[in-house]
C-alpha atoms as a PDB file:
ATOM      1  CA  MET A   1      99.545  54.877  71.072  1.00  0.00           C
ATOM      2  CA  ALA A   2     102.535  52.935  72.439  1.00  0.00           C
ATOM      3  CA  ILE A   3     101.774  49.912  70.270  1.00  0.00           C
ATOM      4  CA  GLU A   4     101.699  52.025  67.097  1.00  0.00           C
ATOM      5  CA  PHE A   5     105.021  53.651  68.035  1.00  0.00           C
ATOM      6  CA  THR A   6     106.533  50.240  68.763  1.00  0.00           C
ATOM      7  CA  THR A   7     105.231  48.887  65.481  1.00  0.00           C
ATOM      8  CA  ILE A   8     106.794  51.796  63.598  1.00  0.00           C
ATOM      9  CA  LEU A   9     110.121  51.243  65.388  1.00  0.00           C
ATOM     10  CA  ILE A  10     110.053  47.522  64.547  1.00  0.00           C
ATOM     11  CA  CYS A  11     109.329  48.272  60.885  1.00  0.00           C
ATOM     12  CA  ILE A  12     112.142  50.804  60.741  1.00  0.00           C
ATOM     13  CA  ALA A  13     114.575  48.372  62.380  1.00  0.00           C
ATOM     14  CA  ILE A  14     113.632  45.607  59.944  1.00  0.00           C
ATOM     15  CA  VAL A  15     114.060  47.924  56.968  1.00  0.00           C
ATOM     16  CA  VAL A  16     117.456  49.110  58.238  1.00  0.00           C
ATOM     17  CA  ILE A  17     118.648  45.538  58.770  1.00  0.00           C
ATOM     18  CA  LEU A  18     117.485  44.481  55.319  1.00  0.00           C
ATOM     19  CA  LEU A  19     119.107  47.551  53.745  1.00  0.00           C
ATOM     20  CA  LEU A  20     122.371  46.720  55.499  1.00  0.00           C
ATOM     21  CA  VAL A  21     122.149  43.226  54.087  1.00  0.00           C
ATOM     22  CA  ARG A  22     121.586  44.535  50.559  1.00  0.00           C
ATOM     23  CA  VAL A  23     124.065  47.438  50.669  1.00  0.00           C
ATOM     24  CA  LYS A  24     126.984  45.556  52.171  1.00  0.00           C
ATOM     25  CA  LYS A  25     125.987  42.313  50.434  1.00  0.00           C
ATOM     26  CA  PHE A  26     126.465  40.032  53.398  1.00  0.00           C
ATOM     27  CA  LYS A  27     127.268  36.495  52.454  1.00  0.00           C
ATOM     28  CA  HIS A  28     125.175  35.244  55.338  1.00  0.00           C
ATOM     29  CA  GLU A  29     121.618  36.548  55.362  1.00  0.00           C
ATOM     30  CA  LEU A  30     121.031  34.212  58.248  1.00  0.00           C
ATOM     31  CA  VAL A  31     122.625  36.798  60.536  1.00  0.00           C
ATOM     32  CA  ALA A  32     120.090  39.386  59.427  1.00  0.00           C
ATOM     33  CA  MET A  33     117.195  36.996  59.950  1.00  0.00           C
ATOM     34  CA  PHE A  34     118.521  36.118  63.399  1.00  0.00           C
ATOM     35  CA  LEU A  35     118.661  39.828  64.306  1.00  0.00           C
ATOM     36  CA  ILE A  36     115.104  40.344  63.074  1.00  0.00           C
ATOM     37  CA  VAL A  37     113.809  37.355  65.033  1.00  0.00           C
ATOM     38  CA  LEU A  38     115.724  38.477  68.117  1.00  0.00           C
ATOM     39  CA  LEU A  39     114.278  41.977  67.802  1.00  0.00           C
ATOM     40  CA  LEU A  40     110.733  40.685  67.396  1.00  0.00           C
ATOM     41  CA  PHE A  41     111.139  38.256  70.306  1.00  0.00           C
ATOM     42  CA  GLY A  42     112.431  41.051  72.511  1.00  0.00           C
ATOM     43  CA  VAL A  43     109.598  43.417  71.689  1.00  0.00           C
ATOM     44  CA  PHE A  44     106.860  40.825  72.079  1.00  0.00           C
ATOM     45  CA  SER A  45     108.306  39.340  75.267  1.00  0.00           C
ATOM     46  CA  VAL A  46     108.660  42.767  76.891  1.00  0.00           C
ATOM     47  CA  THR A  47     105.111  43.624  75.799  1.00  0.00           C
ATOM     48  CA  LEU A  48     103.758  40.413  77.330  1.00  0.00           C
ATOM     49  CA  ALA A  49     105.836  40.704  80.506  1.00  0.00           C
ATOM     50  CA  PHE A  50     104.682  44.262  81.274  1.00  0.00           C
ATOM     51  CA  LYS A  51     101.079  43.874  80.147  1.00  0.00           C
ATOM     52  CA  GLY A  52      98.750  45.237  82.819  1.00  0.00           C
ATOM     53  CA  LYS A  53     101.580  46.572  84.977  1.00  0.00           C
ATOM     54  CA  ASN A  54     102.385  50.200  85.661  1.00  0.00           C
ATOM     55  CA  ILE A  55     106.110  50.319  84.850  1.00  0.00           C
ATOM     56  CA  SER A  56     108.179  53.496  85.051  1.00  0.00           C
ATOM     57  CA  ILE A  57     111.757  53.339  83.746  1.00  0.00           C
ATOM     58  CA  ASN A  58     112.478  57.023  84.314  1.00  0.00           C
ATOM     59  CA  ASP A  59     114.396  56.432  87.541  1.00  0.00           C
ATOM     60  CA  MET A  60     116.753  53.740  88.805  1.00  0.00           C
ATOM     61  CA  PRO A  61     114.312  51.974  91.205  1.00  0.00           C
ATOM     62  CA  GLY A  62     111.704  51.773  88.472  1.00  0.00           C
ATOM     63  CA  LEU A  63     114.243  50.373  86.018  1.00  0.00           C
ATOM     64  CA  GLU A  64     115.390  47.794  88.572  1.00  0.00           C
ATOM     65  CA  ASN A  65     111.764  46.790  89.145  1.00  0.00           C
ATOM     66  CA  ALA A  66     111.204  46.454  85.387  1.00  0.00           C
ATOM     67  CA  VAL A  67     114.294  44.249  84.999  1.00  0.00           C
ATOM     68  CA  LYS A  68     113.185  42.063  87.930  1.00  0.00           C
ATOM     69  CA  ILE A  69     109.690  41.691  86.487  1.00  0.00           C
ATOM     70  CA  TYR A  70     110.998  40.836  83.011  1.00  0.00           C
ATOM     71  CA  PHE A  71     113.528  38.237  84.134  1.00  0.00           C
ATOM     72  CA  SER A  72     111.002  36.719  86.541  1.00  0.00           C
ATOM     73  CA  TRP A  73     108.542  36.421  83.655  1.00  0.00           C
ATOM     74  CA  PHE A  74     111.228  34.998  81.351  1.00  0.00           C
ATOM     75  CA  GLY A  75     112.342  32.501  83.997  1.00  0.00           C
ATOM     76  CA  ASN A  76     108.769  31.315  84.491  1.00  0.00           C
ATOM     77  CA  ALA A  77     108.351  30.934  80.720  1.00  0.00           C
ATOM     78  CA  VAL A  78     111.519  28.809  80.515  1.00  0.00           C
ATOM     79  CA  ASP A  79     110.332  26.758  83.512  1.00  0.00           C
ATOM     80  CA  ASN A  80     106.968  26.186  81.813  1.00  0.00           C
ATOM     81  CA  VAL A  81     108.727  24.943  78.668  1.00  0.00           C
ATOM     82  CA  LYS A  82     110.794  22.594  80.861  1.00  0.00           C
ATOM     83  CA  VAL A  83     107.681  21.176  82.539  1.00  0.00           C
ATOM     84  CA  ILE A  84     105.858  20.699  79.237  1.00  0.00           C
ATOM     85  CA  THR A  85     108.891  18.989  77.702  1.00  0.00           C
ATOM     86  CA  ALA A  86     109.171  16.632  80.693  1.00  0.00           C
ATOM     87  CA  GLN A  87     105.484  15.745  80.405  1.00  0.00           C
ATOM     88  CA  VAL A  88     105.827  15.079  76.664  1.00  0.00           C
ATOM     89  CA  VAL A  89     108.783  12.767  77.280  1.00  0.00           C
ATOM     90  CA  LYS A  90     106.804  10.814  79.903  1.00  0.00           C
ATOM     91  CA  MET A  91     103.848  10.235  77.574  1.00  0.00           C
ATOM     92  CA  ASN A  92     103.122   6.816  76.103  1.00  0.00           C
ATOM     93  CA  TRP A  93     103.920   7.265  72.426  1.00  0.00           C
ATOM     94  CA  GLN A  94     103.412   3.610  71.478  1.00  0.00           C
ATOM     95  CA  GLY A  95      99.664   3.868  71.027  1.00  0.00           C
ATOM     96  CA  ASN A  96      97.204   0.987  71.465  1.00  0.00           C
ATOM     97  CA  LYS A  97      98.528  -2.501  70.833  1.00  0.00           C
ATOM     98  CA  THR A  98      95.434  -4.474  69.894  1.00  0.00           C
ATOM     99  CA  ALA A  99      97.140  -7.159  67.816  1.00  0.00           C
END
């Protein structure tokens, strides 16, 4: 139920952004694409961060808990990218020298 509602909201937001681009004839459609990508990233990251957790944002303590969980998840994701990048840099990219 929540996923269908979220999907409908995403589709509506994308349509509104694209209509704004067409109606106002922005010179830079890159801004619209950036907004769409940012919207999709936000929705999918929040969905992944709160998956399997009982989150209530109806009161202030619940909202604070949700923000802590999200930024903790996001920080761990950034840290994982940092670790993977460091491991890639340390790899031997020269291959076998059999000559």
